[in-house]
């Protein structure tokens, strides 16, 4: 009813001309605010995010594999991302680049679902009275969503993935060894570093993508980004977050590898890396991570937009 009244007011003000133009714009703003306050349907957001996460993980896994190897390589056996991939293919064949994918692609379903579902819910709660969301509030929403994602899904999945890659073992064999040697606590190695990485990741990405979306839709607020626009925005957000928080990712990888016992917690890992290898070592693996994250975030934001429309139509819900 309030939206209908606003439409009538906007039409009347527009017909009146002159100062009515201001009233028309105000009425239109109220309509936009009412629509913005609704947010995305939480079921649609969660399921769409889960499916988009599986697509993204599968597409960019070889880059994630080489990035992890480079971050674990204290002996400098590899000369870079291409050399790492070449050595892997030579030793284990092309499928060697997909070692460790199974637990991650399965885990990406709840992981991305939690991320997008939690972000959508928290963002809705943090909206201003006029229905808008500031970059700071988008950052906070992403920060909390990333922390939830880290504790529930990312920490155990990433630990298993890292150990499988480090030990070059298949999924079930590696998982049995982890549980046998370290117990179930072994799959939660590096949880604090994972929370730091994942929360800052999502806070920075959602903030950047929100600012990009506002800029691209400045002439027609509320419109859905075209696929190519979402692809570019996701890639830009991925690049920004990677450059800002790579130290968290590097330390998380070290603390989840087979030599995790060398570090007595997050702070100890940071101090040892800086003291023994230099500050720039915290940015090791940045290039392959960019090669994995930039296209990956483009894919996930683009596919999320399209999958949301299909999921909403299939469930008979609002996007």
C-alpha atoms as a PDB file:
ATOM      1  CA  UNK A   1       0.000   0.000   0.000  1.00  0.00           C
ATOM      2  CA  UNK A   2       2.815   2.405   0.861  1.00  0.00           C
ATOM      3  CA  UNK A   3       4.503   1.655  -2.465  1.00  0.00           C
ATOM      4  CA  UNK A   4       1.240   2.248  -4.322  1.00  0.00           C
ATOM      5  CA  UNK A   5       0.755   5.546  -2.505  1.00  0.00           C
ATOM      6  CA  UNK A   6       4.299   6.572  -3.396  1.00  0.00           C
ATOM      7  CA  UNK A   7       3.660   5.779  -7.077  1.00  0.00           C
ATOM      8  CA  UNK A   8       0.494   7.874  -7.056  1.00  0.00           C
ATOM      9  CA  UNK A   9       2.368  10.715  -5.336  1.00  0.00           C
ATOM     10  CA  UNK A  10       5.164  10.523  -7.870  1.00  0.00           C
ATOM     11  CA  UNK A  11       2.757  10.613 -10.798  1.00  0.00           C
ATOM     12  CA  UNK A  12       0.815  13.514  -9.342  1.00  0.00           C
ATOM     13  CA  UNK A  13       3.953  15.505  -8.587  1.00  0.00           C
ATOM     14  CA  UNK A  14       5.328  14.884 -12.060  1.00  0.00           C
ATOM     15  CA  UNK A  15       2.070  16.024 -13.619  1.00  0.00           C
ATOM     16  CA  UNK A  16       2.141  19.186 -11.521  1.00  0.00           C
ATOM     17  CA  UNK A  17       5.588  20.239 -12.888  1.00  0.00           C
ATOM     18  CA  UNK A  18       7.863  22.876 -11.328  1.00  0.00           C
ATOM     19  CA  UNK A  19       8.583  22.137  -7.696  1.00  0.00           C
ATOM     20  CA  UNK A  20       6.697  18.899  -8.121  1.00  0.00           C
ATOM     21  CA  UNK A  21       9.817  17.455  -9.731  1.00  0.00           C
ATOM     22  CA  UNK A  22      11.469  17.366  -6.324  1.00  0.00           C
ATOM     23  CA  UNK A  23       8.426  15.584  -4.895  1.00  0.00           C
ATOM     24  CA  UNK A  24       8.559  13.070  -7.748  1.00  0.00           C
ATOM     25  CA  UNK A  25      12.192  12.323  -7.082  1.00  0.00           C
ATOM     26  CA  UNK A  26      11.509  11.985  -3.343  1.00  0.00           C
ATOM     27  CA  UNK A  27       8.625   9.596  -4.018  1.00  0.00           C
ATOM     28  CA  UNK A  28      10.775   7.554  -6.381  1.00  0.00           C
ATOM     29  CA  UNK A  29      13.513   7.406  -3.735  1.00  0.00           C
ATOM     30  CA  UNK A  30      10.957   6.070  -1.238  1.00  0.00           C
ATOM     31  CA  UNK A  31       9.994   3.320  -3.686  1.00  0.00           C
ATOM     32  CA  UNK A  32      13.656   2.405  -4.108  1.00  0.00           C
ATOM     33  CA  UNK A  33      14.095   2.381  -0.346  1.00  0.00           C
ATOM     34  CA  UNK A  34      11.093   0.076   0.161  1.00  0.00           C
ATOM     35  CA  UNK A  35      12.413  -2.351  -2.445  1.00  0.00           C
ATOM     36  CA  UNK A  36      15.977  -2.213  -1.142  1.00  0.00           C
ATOM     37  CA  UNK A  37      14.909  -3.007   2.423  1.00  0.00           C
ATOM     38  CA  UNK A  38      13.534  -6.373   1.305  1.00  0.00           C
ATOM     39  CA  UNK A  39      16.909  -7.754   0.238  1.00  0.00           C
ATOM     40  CA  UNK A  40      17.326 -11.067  -1.549  1.00  0.00           C
ATOM     41  CA  UNK A  41      15.298 -14.092  -0.476  1.00  0.00           C
ATOM     42  CA  UNK A  42      17.577 -15.963   2.009  1.00  0.00           C
ATOM     43  CA  UNK A  43      16.818 -19.391   0.499  1.00  0.00           C
ATOM     44  CA  UNK A  44      17.598 -18.128  -2.999  1.00  0.00           C
ATOM     45  CA  UNK A  45      20.782 -16.387  -1.782  1.00  0.00           C
ATOM     46  CA  UNK A  46      22.082 -19.465   0.049  1.00  0.00           C
ATOM     47  CA  UNK A  47      21.319 -22.033  -2.661  1.00  0.00           C
ATOM     48  CA  UNK A  48      22.544 -19.787  -5.482  1.00  0.00           C
ATOM     49  CA  UNK A  49      25.779 -19.072  -3.627  1.00  0.00           C
ATOM     50  CA  UNK A  50      26.331 -22.790  -3.029  1.00  0.00           C
ATOM     51  CA  UNK A  51      25.916 -23.692  -6.704  1.00  0.00           C
ATOM     52  CA  UNK A  52      28.042 -20.754  -7.869  1.00  0.00           C
ATOM     53  CA  UNK A  53      30.780 -21.811  -5.450  1.00  0.00           C
ATOM     54  CA  UNK A  54      30.957 -25.298  -6.972  1.00  0.00           C
ATOM     55  CA  UNK A  55      31.241 -23.840 -10.478  1.00  0.00           C
ATOM     56  CA  UNK A  56      34.005 -21.431  -9.437  1.00  0.00           C
ATOM     57  CA  UNK A  57      36.038 -24.062  -7.554  1.00  0.00           C
ATOM     58  CA  UNK A  58      36.084 -26.509 -10.446  1.00  0.00           C
ATOM     59  CA  UNK A  59      37.036 -23.888 -13.043  1.00  0.00           C
ATOM     60  CA  UNK A  60      40.056 -22.471 -11.225  1.00  0.00           C
ATOM     61  CA  UNK A  61      41.391 -25.441  -9.233  1.00  0.00           C
ATOM     62  CA  UNK A  62      44.733 -25.862 -11.114  1.00  0.00           C
ATOM     63  CA  UNK A  63      45.687 -22.301 -10.105  1.00  0.00           C
ATOM     64  CA  UNK A  64      44.791 -23.023  -6.470  1.00  0.00           C
ATOM     65  CA  UNK A  65      46.886 -26.208  -6.591  1.00  0.00           C
ATOM     66  CA  UNK A  66      50.025 -24.427  -7.846  1.00  0.00           C
ATOM     67  CA  UNK A  67      49.512 -21.533  -5.421  1.00  0.00           C
ATOM     68  CA  UNK A  68      49.411 -23.910  -2.471  1.00  0.00           C
ATOM     69  CA  UNK A  69      52.556 -25.722  -3.615  1.00  0.00           C
ATOM     70  CA  UNK A  70      54.456 -22.444  -3.984  1.00  0.00           C
ATOM     71  CA  UNK A  71      53.464 -21.321  -0.485  1.00  0.00           C
ATOM     72  CA  UNK A  72      54.606 -24.654   0.996  1.00  0.00           C
ATOM     73  CA  UNK A  73      57.907 -24.580  -0.921  1.00  0.00           C
ATOM     74  CA  UNK A  74      60.502 -23.445   1.658  1.00  0.00           C
ATOM     75  CA  UNK A  75      63.343 -25.017  -0.362  1.00  0.00           C
ATOM     76  CA  UNK A  76      62.511 -22.933  -3.472  1.00  0.00           C
ATOM     77  CA  UNK A  77      62.212 -26.029  -5.654  1.00  0.00           C
ATOM     78  CA  UNK A  78      59.848 -24.250  -8.031  1.00  0.00           C
ATOM     79  CA  UNK A  79      60.797 -21.228 -10.139  1.00  0.00           C
ATOM     80  CA  UNK A  80      57.246 -19.963 -10.359  1.00  0.00           C
ATOM     81  CA  UNK A  81      53.669 -20.907 -11.126  1.00  0.00           C
ATOM     82  CA  UNK A  82      54.318 -22.242 -14.636  1.00  0.00           C
ATOM     83  CA  UNK A  83      57.323 -24.281 -13.497  1.00  0.00           C
ATOM     84  CA  UNK A  84      55.297 -25.760 -10.638  1.00  0.00           C
ATOM     85  CA  UNK A  85      52.529 -26.789 -13.032  1.00  0.00           C
ATOM     86  CA  UNK A  86      55.073 -28.221 -15.495  1.00  0.00           C
ATOM     87  CA  UNK A  87      56.803 -30.310 -12.824  1.00  0.00           C
ATOM     88  CA  UNK A  88      53.467 -31.574 -11.515  1.00  0.00           C
ATOM     89  CA  UNK A  89      52.283 -32.672 -14.972  1.00  0.00           C
ATOM     90  CA  UNK A  90      55.636 -34.328 -15.676  1.00  0.00           C
ATOM     91  CA  UNK A  91      55.543 -36.291 -12.408  1.00  0.00           C
ATOM     92  CA  UNK A  92      51.832 -37.102 -12.073  1.00  0.00           C
ATOM     93  CA  UNK A  93      50.181 -36.335 -15.405  1.00  0.00           C
ATOM     94  CA  UNK A  94      47.590 -33.603 -16.151  1.00  0.00           C
ATOM     95  CA  UNK A  95      45.193 -34.942 -13.517  1.00  0.00           C
ATOM     96  CA  UNK A  96      47.883 -34.259 -10.917  1.00  0.00           C
ATOM     97  CA  UNK A  97      46.822 -30.599 -11.090  1.00  0.00           C
ATOM     98  CA  UNK A  98      43.434 -31.644  -9.719  1.00  0.00           C
ATOM     99  CA  UNK A  99      44.812 -33.441  -6.664  1.00  0.00           C
ATOM    100  CA  UNK A 100      42.858 -32.383  -3.557  1.00  0.00           C
ATOM    101  CA  UNK A 101      39.866 -31.101  -5.569  1.00  0.00           C
ATOM    102  CA  UNK A 102      37.327 -33.649  -4.257  1.00  0.00           C
ATOM    103  CA  UNK A 103      36.978 -32.370  -0.656  1.00  0.00           C
ATOM    104  CA  UNK A 104      37.044 -28.762  -1.768  1.00  0.00           C
ATOM    105  CA  UNK A 105      34.416 -29.000  -4.512  1.00  0.00           C
ATOM    106  CA  UNK A 106      32.140 -30.882  -2.097  1.00  0.00           C
ATOM    107  CA  UNK A 107      32.933 -28.374   0.642  1.00  0.00           C
ATOM    108  CA  UNK A 108      32.429 -25.394  -1.671  1.00  0.00           C
ATOM    109  CA  UNK A 109      28.690 -26.119  -1.697  1.00  0.00           C
ATOM    110  CA  UNK A 110      28.090 -25.322   1.999  1.00  0.00           C
ATOM    111  CA  UNK A 111      30.997 -22.869   2.089  1.00  0.00           C
ATOM    112  CA  UNK A 112      29.716 -20.512  -0.603  1.00  0.00           C
ATOM    113  CA  UNK A 113      26.137 -21.083   0.527  1.00  0.00           C
ATOM    114  CA  UNK A 114      26.993 -19.936   4.058  1.00  0.00           C
ATOM    115  CA  UNK A 115      28.927 -16.970   2.650  1.00  0.00           C
ATOM    116  CA  UNK A 116      26.192 -15.575   0.435  1.00  0.00           C
ATOM    117  CA  UNK A 117      23.346 -16.546   2.762  1.00  0.00           C
ATOM    118  CA  UNK A 118      24.978 -14.975   5.824  1.00  0.00           C
ATOM    119  CA  UNK A 119      26.034 -11.888   3.891  1.00  0.00           C
ATOM    120  CA  UNK A 120      22.518 -11.358   2.548  1.00  0.00           C
ATOM    121  CA  UNK A 121      20.968 -11.733   6.013  1.00  0.00           C
ATOM    122  CA  UNK A 122      23.475  -9.478   7.812  1.00  0.00           C
ATOM    123  CA  UNK A 123      23.409  -6.854   5.070  1.00  0.00           C
ATOM    124  CA  UNK A 124      19.604  -6.720   5.325  1.00  0.00           C
ATOM    125  CA  UNK A 125      19.853  -6.130   9.090  1.00  0.00           C
ATOM    126  CA  UNK A 126      22.426  -3.353   8.609  1.00  0.00           C
ATOM    127  CA  UNK A 127      20.513  -1.394   5.972  1.00  0.00           C
ATOM    128  CA  UNK A 128      19.893   2.250   6.760  1.00  0.00           C
ATOM    129  CA  UNK A 129      16.306   3.492   7.221  1.00  0.00           C
ATOM    130  CA  UNK A 130      16.209   4.597   3.565  1.00  0.00           C
ATOM    131  CA  UNK A 131      17.164   1.077   2.444  1.00  0.00           C
ATOM    132  CA  UNK A 132      20.717   1.887   1.354  1.00  0.00           C
ATOM    133  CA  UNK A 133      23.942   0.228   2.521  1.00  0.00           C
ATOM    134  CA  UNK A 134      27.231   2.086   2.956  1.00  0.00           C
ATOM    135  CA  UNK A 135      30.572   0.551   1.911  1.00  0.00           C
ATOM    136  CA  UNK A 136      31.495   0.225   5.604  1.00  0.00           C
ATOM    137  CA  UNK A 137      28.319  -1.760   6.311  1.00  0.00           C
ATOM    138  CA  UNK A 138      28.956  -3.980   3.297  1.00  0.00           C
ATOM    139  CA  UNK A 139      32.461  -4.564   4.652  1.00  0.00           C
ATOM    140  CA  UNK A 140      31.076  -5.461   8.089  1.00  0.00           C
ATOM    141  CA  UNK A 141      28.508  -7.814   6.549  1.00  0.00           C
ATOM    142  CA  UNK A 142      31.209  -9.566   4.534  1.00  0.00           C
ATOM    143  CA  UNK A 143      33.502  -9.697   7.568  1.00  0.00           C
ATOM    144  CA  UNK A 144      30.939 -11.563   9.687  1.00  0.00           C
ATOM    145  CA  UNK A 145      29.856 -13.792   6.784  1.00  0.00           C
ATOM    146  CA  UNK A 146      33.487 -14.715   6.144  1.00  0.00           C
ATOM    147  CA  UNK A 147      34.067 -15.584   9.802  1.00  0.00           C
ATOM    148  CA  UNK A 148      30.980 -17.840   9.834  1.00  0.00           C
ATOM    149  CA  UNK A 149      32.141 -19.500   6.631  1.00  0.00           C
ATOM    150  CA  UNK A 150      35.639 -20.006   8.056  1.00  0.00           C
ATOM    151  CA  UNK A 151      34.568 -21.727  11.275  1.00  0.00           C
ATOM    152  CA  UNK A 152      31.813 -23.916   9.829  1.00  0.00           C
ATOM    153  CA  UNK A 153      33.350 -24.994   6.529  1.00  0.00           C
ATOM    154  CA  UNK A 154      36.608 -23.423   5.366  1.00  0.00           C
ATOM    155  CA  UNK A 155      38.993 -24.392   8.188  1.00  0.00           C
ATOM    156  CA  UNK A 156      38.454 -28.174   8.006  1.00  0.00           C
ATOM    157  CA  UNK A 157      38.174 -28.214   4.198  1.00  0.00           C
ATOM    158  CA  UNK A 158      41.297 -26.097   3.669  1.00  0.00           C
ATOM    159  CA  UNK A 159      43.318 -28.111   6.181  1.00  0.00           C
ATOM    160  CA  UNK A 160      42.516 -31.389   4.454  1.00  0.00           C
ATOM    161  CA  UNK A 161      43.151 -29.826   1.033  1.00  0.00           C
ATOM    162  CA  UNK A 162      46.537 -28.417   2.046  1.00  0.00           C
ATOM    163  CA  UNK A 163      47.731 -31.675   3.587  1.00  0.00           C
ATOM    164  CA  UNK A 164      46.604 -33.672   0.549  1.00  0.00           C
ATOM    165  CA  UNK A 165      48.514 -31.363  -1.788  1.00  0.00           C
ATOM    166  CA  UNK A 166      51.571 -31.243   0.491  1.00  0.00           C
ATOM    167  CA  UNK A 167      51.699 -35.026   0.816  1.00  0.00           C
ATOM    168  CA  UNK A 168      50.482 -35.684  -2.752  1.00  0.00           C
ATOM    169  CA  UNK A 169      47.912 -38.189  -1.489  1.00  0.00           C
ATOM    170  CA  UNK A 170      44.370 -39.067  -2.624  1.00  0.00           C
ATOM    171  CA  UNK A 171      41.448 -37.872  -0.515  1.00  0.00           C
ATOM    172  CA  UNK A 172      40.513 -40.923   1.599  1.00  0.00           C
ATOM    173  CA  UNK A 173      44.125 -41.989   2.212  1.00  0.00           C
ATOM    174  CA  UNK A 174      45.128 -38.497   3.310  1.00  0.00           C
ATOM    175  CA  UNK A 175      42.056 -38.004   5.494  1.00  0.00           C
ATOM    176  CA  UNK A 176      42.630 -41.318   7.309  1.00  0.00           C
ATOM    177  CA  UNK A 177      46.267 -40.366   7.990  1.00  0.00           C
ATOM    178  CA  UNK A 178      45.298 -36.941   9.373  1.00  0.00           C
ATOM    179  CA  UNK A 179      42.722 -38.392  11.764  1.00  0.00           C
ATOM    180  CA  UNK A 180      45.016 -41.263  12.783  1.00  0.00           C
ATOM    181  CA  UNK A 181      47.999 -38.998  13.570  1.00  0.00           C
ATOM    182  CA  UNK A 182      46.296 -35.858  14.869  1.00  0.00           C
ATOM    183  CA  UNK A 183      42.708 -36.793  15.646  1.00  0.00           C
ATOM    184  CA  UNK A 184      39.756 -34.678  14.543  1.00  0.00           C
ATOM    185  CA  UNK A 185      41.518 -31.604  15.931  1.00  0.00           C
ATOM    186  CA  UNK A 186      43.987 -32.043  13.085  1.00  0.00           C
ATOM    187  CA  UNK A 187      41.429 -30.821  10.566  1.00  0.00           C
ATOM    188  CA  UNK A 188      41.128 -27.513  12.432  1.00  0.00           C
ATOM    189  CA  UNK A 189      44.788 -26.511  12.218  1.00  0.00           C
ATOM    190  CA  UNK A 190      45.277 -22.797  11.551  1.00  0.00           C
ATOM    191  CA  UNK A 191      41.676 -21.884  12.357  1.00  0.00           C
ATOM    192  CA  UNK A 192      42.566 -18.349  13.556  1.00  0.00           C
ATOM    193  CA  UNK A 193      44.556 -17.611  10.411  1.00  0.00           C
ATOM    194  CA  UNK A 194      41.671 -19.004   8.373  1.00  0.00           C
ATOM    195  CA  UNK A 195      39.180 -16.717  10.121  1.00  0.00           C
ATOM    196  CA  UNK A 196      41.502 -13.755   9.510  1.00  0.00           C
ATOM    197  CA  UNK A 197      41.909 -14.640   5.857  1.00  0.00           C
ATOM    198  CA  UNK A 198      38.288 -15.497   5.135  1.00  0.00           C
ATOM    199  CA  UNK A 199      36.647 -12.632   7.027  1.00  0.00           C
ATOM    200  CA  UNK A 200      38.943 -10.003   5.492  1.00  0.00           C
ATOM    201  CA  UNK A 201      38.532 -11.670   2.092  1.00  0.00           C
ATOM    202  CA  UNK A 202      34.767 -11.441   2.080  1.00  0.00           C
ATOM    203  CA  UNK A 203      34.621  -8.040   3.767  1.00  0.00           C
ATOM    204  CA  UNK A 204      36.920  -6.509   1.137  1.00  0.00           C
ATOM    205  CA  UNK A 205      35.280  -8.331  -1.785  1.00  0.00           C
ATOM    206  CA  UNK A 206      31.673  -7.525  -0.930  1.00  0.00           C
ATOM    207  CA  UNK A 207      32.595  -3.917  -0.156  1.00  0.00           C
ATOM    208  CA  UNK A 208      34.445  -3.516  -3.473  1.00  0.00           C
ATOM    209  CA  UNK A 209      31.741  -5.284  -5.478  1.00  0.00           C
ATOM    210  CA  UNK A 210      29.043  -3.165  -3.806  1.00  0.00           C
ATOM    211  CA  UNK A 211      30.878   0.065  -4.690  1.00  0.00           C
ATOM    212  CA  UNK A 212      31.355  -1.176  -8.265  1.00  0.00           C
ATOM    213  CA  UNK A 213      27.659  -2.082  -8.535  1.00  0.00           C
ATOM    214  CA  UNK A 214      26.586   1.337  -7.239  1.00  0.00           C
ATOM    215  CA  UNK A 215      28.816   3.025  -9.799  1.00  0.00           C
ATOM    216  CA  UNK A 216      27.638   0.891 -12.723  1.00  0.00           C
ATOM    217  CA  UNK A 217      23.958   1.364 -11.851  1.00  0.00           C
ATOM    218  CA  UNK A 218      24.187   5.045 -10.923  1.00  0.00           C
ATOM    219  CA  UNK A 219      21.871   6.039 -13.802  1.00  0.00           C
ATOM    220  CA  UNK A 220      19.334   3.276 -13.121  1.00  0.00           C
ATOM    221  CA  UNK A 221      19.464   2.230  -9.447  1.00  0.00           C
ATOM    222  CA  UNK A 222      18.145  -1.239  -8.725  1.00  0.00           C
ATOM    223  CA  UNK A 223      18.870  -2.807 -12.090  1.00  0.00           C
ATOM    224  CA  UNK A 224      20.661  -6.173 -12.232  1.00  0.00           C
ATOM    225  CA  UNK A 225      24.190  -6.136 -13.598  1.00  0.00           C
ATOM    226  CA  UNK A 226      24.723  -7.746 -16.991  1.00  0.00           C
ATOM    227  CA  UNK A 227      26.814 -10.931 -16.951  1.00  0.00           C
ATOM    228  CA  UNK A 228      29.913  -9.213 -18.325  1.00  0.00           C
ATOM    229  CA  UNK A 229      29.547  -6.394 -15.789  1.00  0.00           C
ATOM    230  CA  UNK A 230      29.321  -8.867 -12.886  1.00  0.00           C
ATOM    231  CA  UNK A 231      32.344 -10.740 -14.298  1.00  0.00           C
ATOM    232  CA  UNK A 232      34.463  -7.571 -14.397  1.00  0.00           C
ATOM    233  CA  UNK A 233      33.274  -6.430 -10.965  1.00  0.00           C
ATOM    234  CA  UNK A 234      34.039  -9.784  -9.393  1.00  0.00           C
ATOM    235  CA  UNK A 235      37.521  -9.835 -10.943  1.00  0.00           C
ATOM    236  CA  UNK A 236      38.266  -6.340  -9.635  1.00  0.00           C
ATOM    237  CA  UNK A 237      37.011  -7.258  -6.140  1.00  0.00           C
ATOM    238  CA  UNK A 238      39.133 -10.425  -6.177  1.00  0.00           C
ATOM    239  CA  UNK A 239      42.276  -8.535  -7.171  1.00  0.00           C
ATOM    240  CA  UNK A 240      41.743  -5.922  -4.459  1.00  0.00           C
ATOM    241  CA  UNK A 241      41.163  -8.462  -1.664  1.00  0.00           C
ATOM    242  CA  UNK A 242      44.113 -10.656  -2.681  1.00  0.00           C
ATOM    243  CA  UNK A 243      46.671  -7.858  -2.631  1.00  0.00           C
ATOM    244  CA  UNK A 244      45.399  -6.667   0.745  1.00  0.00           C
ATOM    245  CA  UNK A 245      45.240  -9.938   2.672  1.00  0.00           C
ATOM    246  CA  UNK A 246      47.764 -12.356   1.139  1.00  0.00           C
ATOM    247  CA  UNK A 247      49.767 -12.580   4.424  1.00  0.00           C
ATOM    248  CA  UNK A 248      46.768 -14.249   6.097  1.00  0.00           C
ATOM    249  CA  UNK A 249      46.546 -16.769   3.270  1.00  0.00           C
ATOM    250  CA  UNK A 250      50.276 -17.506   3.314  1.00  0.00           C
ATOM    251  CA  UNK A 251      50.349 -18.111   7.087  1.00  0.00           C
ATOM    252  CA  UNK A 252      47.180 -20.203   6.941  1.00  0.00           C
ATOM    253  CA  UNK A 253      48.805 -22.436   4.341  1.00  0.00           C
ATOM    254  CA  UNK A 254      51.970 -22.880   6.423  1.00  0.00           C
ATOM    255  CA  UNK A 255      49.979 -23.723   9.553  1.00  0.00           C
ATOM    256  CA  UNK A 256      47.865 -26.297   7.750  1.00  0.00           C
ATOM    257  CA  UNK A 257      50.689 -28.092   5.914  1.00  0.00           C
ATOM    258  CA  UNK A 258      52.458 -31.285   6.970  1.00  0.00           C
ATOM    259  CA  UNK A 259      55.081 -29.202   8.832  1.00  0.00           C
ATOM    260  CA  UNK A 260      52.501 -27.264  10.834  1.00  0.00           C
ATOM    261  CA  UNK A 261      54.173 -28.454  14.053  1.00  0.00           C
ATOM    262  CA  UNK A 262      57.031 -26.004  13.412  1.00  0.00           C
ATOM    263  CA  UNK A 263      54.721 -23.147  14.415  1.00  0.00           C
ATOM    264  CA  UNK A 264      53.238 -22.530  17.841  1.00  0.00           C
ATOM    265  CA  UNK A 265      50.212 -20.582  16.710  1.00  0.00           C
ATOM    266  CA  UNK A 266      49.403 -17.692  14.390  1.00  0.00           C
ATOM    267  CA  UNK A 267      51.707 -15.067  15.943  1.00  0.00           C
ATOM    268  CA  UNK A 268      54.644 -17.493  16.126  1.00  0.00           C
ATOM    269  CA  UNK A 269      54.184 -18.347  12.445  1.00  0.00           C
ATOM    270  CA  UNK A 270      54.178 -14.654  11.516  1.00  0.00           C
ATOM    271  CA  UNK A 271      57.331 -13.899  13.522  1.00  0.00           C
ATOM    272  CA  UNK A 272      59.249 -16.921  12.204  1.00  0.00           C
ATOM    273  CA  UNK A 273      58.383 -16.212   8.573  1.00  0.00           C
ATOM    274  CA  UNK A 274      59.416 -12.552   8.860  1.00  0.00           C
ATOM    275  CA  UNK A 275      62.599 -13.346  10.805  1.00  0.00           C
ATOM    276  CA  UNK A 276      63.768 -16.299   8.690  1.00  0.00           C
ATOM    277  CA  UNK A 277      62.485 -15.396   5.237  1.00  0.00           C
ATOM    278  CA  UNK A 278      61.802 -11.654   5.262  1.00  0.00           C
ATOM    279  CA  UNK A 279      58.608  -9.581   5.146  1.00  0.00           C
ATOM    280  CA  UNK A 280      58.080 -10.156   1.424  1.00  0.00           C
ATOM    281  CA  UNK A 281      57.716 -13.882   2.101  1.00  0.00           C
ATOM    282  CA  UNK A 282      54.261 -13.024   3.460  1.00  0.00           C
ATOM    283  CA  UNK A 283      53.282 -12.236  -0.121  1.00  0.00           C
ATOM    284  CA  UNK A 284      54.653 -15.486  -1.552  1.00  0.00           C
ATOM    285  CA  UNK A 285      52.144 -17.147  -3.816  1.00  0.00           C
ATOM    286  CA  UNK A 286      50.504 -13.804  -4.669  1.00  0.00           C
ATOM    287  CA  UNK A 287      50.829 -14.243  -8.438  1.00  0.00           C
ATOM    288  CA  UNK A 288      49.283 -17.731  -8.611  1.00  0.00           C
ATOM    289  CA  UNK A 289      46.687 -16.643  -6.056  1.00  0.00           C
ATOM    290  CA  UNK A 290      45.774 -13.701  -8.283  1.00  0.00           C
ATOM    291  CA  UNK A 291      45.632 -16.081 -11.243  1.00  0.00           C
ATOM    292  CA  UNK A 292      43.196 -18.217  -9.256  1.00  0.00           C
ATOM    293  CA  UNK A 293      41.181 -15.598  -7.340  1.00  0.00           C
ATOM    294  CA  UNK A 294      40.691 -12.933 -10.034  1.00  0.00           C
ATOM    295  CA  UNK A 295      38.977 -15.179 -12.609  1.00  0.00           C
ATOM    296  CA  UNK A 296      37.406 -17.203  -9.775  1.00  0.00           C
ATOM    297  CA  UNK A 297      35.653 -14.194  -8.250  1.00  0.00           C
ATOM    298  CA  UNK A 298      34.586 -13.055 -11.696  1.00  0.00           C
ATOM    299  CA  UNK A 299      33.048 -16.486 -12.295  1.00  0.00           C
ATOM    300  CA  UNK A 300      31.327 -16.721  -8.919  1.00  0.00           C
ATOM    301  CA  UNK A 301      29.762 -13.236  -8.984  1.00  0.00           C
ATOM    302  CA  UNK A 302      28.687 -13.659 -12.614  1.00  0.00           C
ATOM    303  CA  UNK A 303      27.282 -17.162 -12.114  1.00  0.00           C
ATOM    304  CA  UNK A 304      25.640 -16.145  -8.815  1.00  0.00           C
ATOM    305  CA  UNK A 305      23.642 -13.464 -10.614  1.00  0.00           C
ATOM    306  CA  UNK A 306      22.382 -15.885 -13.271  1.00  0.00           C
ATOM    307  CA  UNK A 307      21.899 -18.848 -10.945  1.00  0.00           C
ATOM    308  CA  UNK A 308      19.851 -16.627  -8.596  1.00  0.00           C
ATOM    309  CA  UNK A 309      17.379 -15.938 -11.385  1.00  0.00           C
ATOM    310  CA  UNK A 310      17.063 -19.652 -12.253  1.00  0.00           C
ATOM    311  CA  UNK A 311      16.772 -20.750  -8.617  1.00  0.00           C
ATOM    312  CA  UNK A 312      14.145 -18.105  -7.878  1.00  0.00           C
ATOM    313  CA  UNK A 313      12.130 -19.164 -10.931  1.00  0.00           C
ATOM    314  CA  UNK A 314      12.440 -22.847 -10.040  1.00  0.00           C
ATOM    315  CA  UNK A 315      11.347 -22.314  -6.419  1.00  0.00           C
ATOM    316  CA  UNK A 316       8.719 -19.723  -7.264  1.00  0.00           C
ATOM    317  CA  UNK A 317      10.427 -17.169  -5.035  1.00  0.00           C
ATOM    318  CA  UNK A 318      11.536 -13.590  -5.493  1.00  0.00           C
ATOM    319  CA  UNK A 319      15.159 -12.959  -6.528  1.00  0.00           C
END
